[in-house]
Amino acid sequence: MKKIILGYKITKILHEQKNWIVRGMRSTNSRKVIIKILNKDYPSPEEIAQFYWESQITQNLSHEGIPRFEQIETYQRRRPALVM
């Protein structure tokens, strides 16, 4: 995995199986973030749709133990990345 993703500097890989979950910092303002990325070079349309559905659900959650959804980005080719 590259050290820079979508304008974010990756500081630690937290999980790497079906999805990558990484801790990082936004390059522009050093804000700490968690990024979830599909770990597949060419995800199917169904996998992408499920990822977007998850982002919609996450947007509506408000709990101190759940990171706040910020935005969805695209990483390499067409892999969605959920920024929290």
C-alpha atoms as a PDB file:
ATOM      1  CA  MET A   1       0.000   0.000   0.000  1.00  0.00           C
ATOM      2  CA  LYS A   2       1.240   3.468  -0.811  1.00  0.00           C
ATOM      3  CA  LYS A   3       2.059   5.885   1.998  1.00  0.00           C
ATOM      4  CA  ILE A   4      -0.189   8.567   0.474  1.00  0.00           C
ATOM      5  CA  ILE A   5      -3.817   7.781  -0.353  1.00  0.00           C
ATOM      6  CA  LEU A   6      -6.294  10.363  -1.630  1.00  0.00           C
ATOM      7  CA  GLY A   7      -4.400  13.269  -0.058  1.00  0.00           C
ATOM      8  CA  TYR A   8      -3.948  11.422   3.237  1.00  0.00           C
ATOM      9  CA  LYS A   9      -0.722  10.193   4.787  1.00  0.00           C
ATOM     10  CA  ILE A  10      -1.137   6.649   6.139  1.00  0.00           C
ATOM     11  CA  THR A  11       0.370   6.180   9.582  1.00  0.00           C
ATOM     12  CA  LYS A  12      -0.787   2.648  10.401  1.00  0.00           C
ATOM     13  CA  ILE A  13      -2.589  -0.292   8.805  1.00  0.00           C
ATOM     14  CA  LEU A  14      -5.210  -1.470  11.309  1.00  0.00           C
ATOM     15  CA  HIS A  15      -6.781  -4.301   9.293  1.00  0.00           C
ATOM     16  CA  GLU A  16      -5.990  -5.884   5.935  1.00  0.00           C
ATOM     17  CA  GLN A  17      -8.296  -8.613   4.628  1.00  0.00           C
ATOM     18  CA  LYS A  18     -11.525  -8.046   2.685  1.00  0.00           C
ATOM     19  CA  ASN A  19     -11.085  -4.326   3.366  1.00  0.00           C
ATOM     20  CA  TRP A  20      -8.116  -2.237   4.349  1.00  0.00           C
ATOM     21  CA  ILE A  21      -8.726  -0.152   7.420  1.00  0.00           C
ATOM     22  CA  VAL A  22      -5.984   2.381   7.980  1.00  0.00           C
ATOM     23  CA  ARG A  23      -5.233   5.265  10.306  1.00  0.00           C
ATOM     24  CA  GLY A  24      -3.880   8.393   8.715  1.00  0.00           C
ATOM     25  CA  MET A  25      -3.727  12.149   8.567  1.00  0.00           C
ATOM     26  CA  ARG A  26      -5.161  14.505   5.997  1.00  0.00           C
ATOM     27  CA  SER A  27      -2.256  16.025   4.077  1.00  0.00           C
ATOM     28  CA  THR A  28      -3.772  19.528   3.946  1.00  0.00           C
ATOM     29  CA  ASN A  29      -4.479  20.061   7.647  1.00  0.00           C
ATOM     30  CA  SER A  30      -2.995  17.044   9.538  1.00  0.00           C
ATOM     31  CA  ARG A  31      -6.440  16.012  10.826  1.00  0.00           C
ATOM     32  CA  LYS A  32      -6.489  12.377  12.008  1.00  0.00           C
ATOM     33  CA  VAL A  33      -8.794  10.042  10.077  1.00  0.00           C
ATOM     34  CA  ILE A  34      -9.705   6.391   9.645  1.00  0.00           C
ATOM     35  CA  ILE A  35     -10.055   5.203   6.040  1.00  0.00           C
ATOM     36  CA  LYS A  36     -11.773   1.999   4.921  1.00  0.00           C
ATOM     37  CA  ILE A  37     -10.897   0.829   1.389  1.00  0.00           C
ATOM     38  CA  LEU A  38     -12.136  -2.167  -0.579  1.00  0.00           C
ATOM     39  CA  ASN A  39      -9.153  -4.534  -0.876  1.00  0.00           C
ATOM     40  CA  LYS A  40      -9.828  -5.679  -4.420  1.00  0.00           C
ATOM     41  CA  ASP A  41      -8.334  -4.358  -7.649  1.00  0.00           C
ATOM     42  CA  TYR A  42     -11.611  -4.587  -9.571  1.00  0.00           C
ATOM     43  CA  PRO A  43     -14.599  -4.716  -7.211  1.00  0.00           C
ATOM     44  CA  SER A  44     -17.908  -5.828  -8.676  1.00  0.00           C
ATOM     45  CA  PRO A  45     -20.775  -3.335  -9.030  1.00  0.00           C
ATOM     46  CA  GLU A  46     -22.520  -5.170  -6.167  1.00  0.00           C
ATOM     47  CA  GLU A  47     -19.501  -4.752  -3.862  1.00  0.00           C
ATOM     48  CA  ILE A  48     -19.312  -1.060  -4.692  1.00  0.00           C
ATOM     49  CA  ALA A  49     -23.055  -0.634  -4.095  1.00  0.00           C
ATOM     50  CA  GLN A  50     -22.751  -2.379  -0.718  1.00  0.00           C
ATOM     51  CA  PHE A  51     -19.875  -0.063   0.231  1.00  0.00           C
ATOM     52  CA  TYR A  52     -21.944   3.028  -0.665  1.00  0.00           C
ATOM     53  CA  TRP A  53     -24.898   1.625   1.295  1.00  0.00           C
ATOM     54  CA  GLU A  54     -22.610   1.216   4.310  1.00  0.00           C
ATOM     55  CA  SER A  55     -21.542   4.847   3.956  1.00  0.00           C
ATOM     56  CA  GLN A  56     -25.209   5.930   3.991  1.00  0.00           C
ATOM     57  CA  ILE A  57     -25.845   3.951   7.168  1.00  0.00           C
ATOM     58  CA  THR A  58     -22.699   5.309   8.820  1.00  0.00           C
ATOM     59  CA  GLN A  59     -23.747   8.896   8.020  1.00  0.00           C
ATOM     60  CA  ASN A  60     -26.872   8.477  10.110  1.00  0.00           C
ATOM     61  CA  LEU A  61     -25.188   6.979  13.184  1.00  0.00           C
ATOM     62  CA  SER A  62     -24.274   9.133  16.132  1.00  0.00           C
ATOM     63  CA  HIS A  63     -22.403   7.320  18.889  1.00  0.00           C
ATOM     64  CA  GLU A  64     -19.148   8.098  20.670  1.00  0.00           C
ATOM     65  CA  GLY A  65     -17.756   4.643  19.793  1.00  0.00           C
ATOM     66  CA  ILE A  66     -18.391   5.015  16.044  1.00  0.00           C
ATOM     67  CA  PRO A  67     -16.145   7.293  13.966  1.00  0.00           C
ATOM     68  CA  ARG A  68     -18.073  10.103  12.274  1.00  0.00           C
ATOM     69  CA  PHE A  69     -18.479   9.728   8.499  1.00  0.00           C
ATOM     70  CA  GLU A  70     -16.766  12.526   6.558  1.00  0.00           C
ATOM     71  CA  GLN A  71     -16.817  11.615   2.872  1.00  0.00           C
ATOM     72  CA  ILE A  72     -16.367   8.919   0.282  1.00  0.00           C
ATOM     73  CA  GLU A  73     -13.380   9.102  -2.063  1.00  0.00           C
ATOM     74  CA  THR A  74     -12.136   6.968  -4.945  1.00  0.00           C
ATOM     75  CA  TYR A  75      -8.827   5.169  -4.581  1.00  0.00           C
ATOM     76  CA  GLN A  76      -6.980   3.679  -7.567  1.00  0.00           C
ATOM     77  CA  ARG A  77      -9.160   2.799 -10.501  1.00  0.00           C
ATOM     78  CA  ARG A  78     -12.653   2.685  -9.010  1.00  0.00           C
ATOM     79  CA  ARG A  79     -12.250   1.432  -5.455  1.00  0.00           C
ATOM     80  CA  PRO A  80     -14.339   3.466  -3.003  1.00  0.00           C
ATOM     81  CA  ALA A  81     -12.730   4.674   0.219  1.00  0.00           C
ATOM     82  CA  LEU A  82     -14.807   5.651   3.254  1.00  0.00           C
ATOM     83  CA  VAL A  83     -13.190   8.485   5.237  1.00  0.00           C
ATOM     84  CA  MET A  84     -14.170   8.795   8.887  1.00  0.00           C
END
